[in-house]
């Protein structure tokens, strides 16, 4: 099941929770970007890529520098080899801590590559290996990327993300990978 969620709706989703009933909308209709898998999506295939569909051409280098995919497992890494005193906490606490998010982006984000269309309007981030089953993933788009999208499309006051405090200008979306054990899965503990 593929669900497309408009980033412009993230503010309302943060207030009322994730919706799996959102209608598909193209990026050019209301938002500078449409992301698939969408915010709150469950049952995402382990070999899926993250598709970013931009309303207008973007600077590829900004996207490739400011886009990160972080698994819940990476945040639970209590034996962090990069910083013995960095308590990763959970996704909720990380979303309001710019130091923690920078650490996670630089040291614990999923490795992979970007595939682009010729117009620089569609990019697919393809992880180097399959994602982990029954795992929550966070898509983190940093401030520079969000500002670039707002500048390309115009004033987008609705572009606020799930972050708070110092991270309020960043976009953070969540999805869950499929359960391969046959015991079911679902929308687990968002926010």
Protein backbone atom coordinates (compact mmCIF):
# COMPACT_ATOMS: atom_id res chain seq x y z
CA UNK A 1 0.00 0.00 0.00
CA UNK A 2 1.53 3.31 -1.06
CA UNK A 3 0.35 6.48 0.59
CA UNK A 4 1.50 9.91 -0.43
CA UNK A 5 1.42 12.55 2.26
CA UNK A 6 1.88 16.23 1.53
CA UNK A 7 4.55 17.88 3.60
CA UNK A 8 2.34 20.95 3.90
CA UNK A 9 0.03 18.84 6.03
CA UNK A 10 2.71 17.89 8.50
CA UNK A 11 1.78 20.66 10.93
CA UNK A 12 -1.76 19.40 11.21
CA UNK A 13 -0.57 15.80 11.37
CA UNK A 14 1.70 16.70 14.26
CA UNK A 15 -1.34 18.05 16.09
CA UNK A 16 -3.80 15.26 15.29
CA UNK A 17 -1.49 12.32 14.57
CA UNK A 18 -0.66 10.45 11.41
CA UNK A 19 -3.30 9.66 8.87
CA UNK A 20 -3.18 6.68 6.56
CA UNK A 21 -6.14 8.05 4.62
CA UNK A 22 -4.45 11.02 2.94
CA UNK A 23 -5.25 11.58 -0.70
CA UNK A 24 -2.41 11.56 -3.25
CA UNK A 25 -1.42 15.04 -4.42
CA UNK A 26 1.38 16.07 -6.72
CA UNK A 27 4.08 18.40 -5.44
CA UNK A 28 3.08 21.21 -7.80
CA UNK A 29 -0.49 21.44 -6.48
CA UNK A 30 0.15 22.61 -2.91
CA UNK A 31 3.57 21.75 -1.57
CA UNK A 32 7.19 22.06 -2.64
CA UNK A 33 7.66 18.31 -2.10
CA UNK A 34 5.81 15.01 -1.86
CA UNK A 35 7.62 12.18 -0.08
CA UNK A 36 7.00 8.44 -0.50
CA UNK A 37 6.83 6.58 1.84
CA UNK A 38 4.57 9.12 3.45
CA UNK A 39 4.53 10.24 7.05
CA UNK A 40 3.00 7.51 9.19
CA UNK A 41 3.04 4.87 6.45
CA UNK A 42 3.31 1.27 7.62
CA UNK A 43 4.28 -1.93 5.85
CA UNK A 44 7.04 -0.31 3.76
CA UNK A 45 9.01 -2.85 1.73
CA UNK A 46 12.51 -3.55 3.03
CA UNK A 47 14.02 -2.81 -0.40
CA UNK A 48 12.09 0.45 -0.90
CA UNK A 49 13.73 3.73 -1.70
CA UNK A 50 12.60 7.11 -0.44
CA UNK A 51 11.18 9.12 -3.36
CA UNK A 52 11.31 12.91 -3.19
CA UNK A 53 9.07 14.59 -5.79
CA UNK A 54 9.81 18.34 -5.94
CA UNK A 55 7.46 20.95 -7.44
CA UNK A 56 10.41 22.71 -9.13
CA UNK A 57 14.03 21.80 -9.93
CA UNK A 58 16.27 21.77 -6.87
CA UNK A 59 19.98 21.93 -6.15
CA UNK A 60 21.00 18.27 -6.03
CA UNK A 61 23.99 18.95 -3.77
CA UNK A 62 21.77 20.54 -1.09
CA UNK A 63 19.40 17.56 -1.11
CA UNK A 64 22.22 15.02 -1.00
CA UNK A 65 23.90 16.90 1.86
CA UNK A 66 20.77 17.59 3.93
CA UNK A 67 18.66 14.40 3.52
CA UNK A 68 19.15 11.61 6.08
CA UNK A 69 17.35 8.35 6.80
CA UNK A 70 17.74 7.18 10.40
CA UNK A 71 16.45 3.93 11.86
CA UNK A 72 15.11 3.50 15.37
CA UNK A 73 17.78 0.84 15.82
CA UNK A 74 20.58 3.35 15.10
CA UNK A 75 19.19 5.62 17.80
CA UNK A 76 19.20 2.77 20.30
CA UNK A 77 22.92 2.18 19.71
CA UNK A 78 24.14 2.37 23.30
CA UNK A 79 27.68 1.46 22.27
CA UNK A 80 28.22 4.43 20.00
CA UNK A 81 31.78 4.27 18.71
CA UNK A 82 31.69 7.95 17.72
CA UNK A 83 30.81 9.46 21.09
CA UNK A 84 30.88 7.59 24.40
CA UNK A 85 28.89 10.34 26.13
CA UNK A 86 26.20 10.81 23.45
CA UNK A 87 22.90 9.48 24.78
CA UNK A 88 20.86 8.90 21.63
CA UNK A 89 17.56 8.70 23.48
CA UNK A 90 14.54 8.19 21.24
CA UNK A 91 13.17 9.86 18.14
CA UNK A 92 10.93 12.18 20.12
CA UNK A 93 13.79 13.65 22.15
CA UNK A 94 16.16 13.81 19.18
CA UNK A 95 13.68 15.88 17.17
CA UNK A 96 14.20 18.84 19.51
CA UNK A 97 17.98 18.50 19.98
CA UNK A 98 20.08 19.92 17.13
CA UNK A 99 23.34 18.49 18.53
CA UNK A 100 21.87 15.00 18.77
CA UNK A 101 20.32 15.19 15.29
CA UNK A 102 23.61 16.37 13.79
CA UNK A 103 25.39 13.45 15.47
CA UNK A 104 22.79 10.97 14.20
CA UNK A 105 22.88 12.44 10.67
CA UNK A 106 26.67 12.31 10.45
CA UNK A 107 27.34 9.00 12.20
CA UNK A 108 24.24 6.81 12.22
CA UNK A 109 22.16 7.58 9.14
CA UNK A 110 21.46 4.89 6.59
CA UNK A 111 24.07 4.83 3.84
CA UNK A 112 22.90 4.88 0.25
CA UNK A 113 22.86 6.76 -3.02
CA UNK A 114 20.62 9.15 -4.93
CA UNK A 115 19.09 8.59 -8.37
CA UNK A 116 17.79 11.73 -10.15
CA UNK A 117 15.62 12.48 -13.15
CA UNK A 118 17.08 14.84 -15.79
CA UNK A 119 15.03 17.82 -14.57
CA UNK A 120 16.25 17.55 -10.92
CA UNK A 121 12.63 17.31 -9.76
CA UNK A 122 12.54 13.66 -8.65
CA UNK A 123 15.14 11.97 -6.51
CA UNK A 124 15.14 8.47 -5.07
CA UNK A 125 17.35 7.71 -2.10
CA UNK A 126 18.20 4.02 -2.32
CA UNK A 127 19.74 2.49 0.83
CA UNK A 128 22.90 0.41 0.27
CA UNK A 129 21.24 -2.57 1.97
CA UNK A 130 17.73 -3.69 2.83
CA UNK A 131 16.02 -1.95 5.73
CA UNK A 132 15.28 -3.78 8.97
CA UNK A 133 11.83 -5.41 9.36
CA UNK A 134 9.30 -3.93 11.82
CA UNK A 135 11.47 -0.84 12.26
CA UNK A 136 10.57 2.83 12.55
CA UNK A 137 12.59 5.09 10.26
CA UNK A 138 12.88 8.86 10.36
CA UNK A 139 13.36 10.91 7.21
CA UNK A 140 15.25 14.03 8.27
CA UNK A 141 15.44 16.96 5.88
CA UNK A 142 17.60 19.70 7.36
CA UNK A 143 17.01 23.43 7.45
CA UNK A 144 19.05 24.22 4.31
CA UNK A 145 16.97 21.80 2.23
CA UNK A 146 13.67 23.10 3.64
CA UNK A 147 14.68 26.72 2.99
CA UNK A 148 15.72 25.86 -0.57
CA UNK A 149 12.31 24.28 -1.22
CA UNK A 150 10.51 27.28 0.26
CA UNK A 151 12.61 29.68 -1.84
CA UNK A 152 11.93 27.75 -5.06
CA UNK A 153 8.16 27.63 -4.59
CA UNK A 154 7.52 30.80 -2.59
CA UNK A 155 6.63 31.54 1.00
CA UNK A 156 5.52 28.25 2.50
CA UNK A 157 4.63 29.01 6.10
CA UNK A 158 3.14 25.52 6.32
CA UNK A 159 6.54 23.87 5.82
CA UNK A 160 7.15 23.45 9.57
CA UNK A 161 8.08 19.96 10.62
CA UNK A 162 7.80 17.65 13.59
CA UNK A 163 10.88 19.19 15.19
CA UNK A 164 10.69 21.72 17.99
CA UNK A 165 12.97 24.34 19.46
CA UNK A 166 16.18 24.62 17.43
CA UNK A 167 14.88 21.91 15.07
CA UNK A 168 11.53 23.56 14.25
CA UNK A 169 12.68 24.50 10.72
CA UNK A 170 13.68 20.93 9.86
CA UNK A 171 11.34 18.31 8.37
CA UNK A 172 11.05 14.96 10.11
CA UNK A 173 8.74 12.26 8.80
CA UNK A 174 8.35 8.70 10.06
CA UNK A 175 7.46 5.38 8.49
CA UNK A 176 7.53 1.73 9.55
CA UNK A 177 8.88 -1.19 7.55
CA UNK A 178 6.92 -4.36 6.95
CA UNK A 179 6.72 -7.22 9.41
CA UNK A 180 8.32 -10.26 7.80
CA UNK A 181 7.55 -12.62 10.72
CA UNK A 182 3.88 -13.01 9.79
CA UNK A 183 2.76 -11.79 13.24
CA UNK A 184 1.39 -8.47 12.05
CA UNK A 185 2.67 -4.98 12.44
CA UNK A 186 1.21 -1.59 12.30
CA UNK A 187 1.47 1.96 13.41
CA UNK A 188 3.52 1.80 16.58
CA UNK A 189 4.10 4.64 18.99
CA UNK A 190 4.35 7.70 16.74
CA UNK A 191 5.39 10.79 18.70
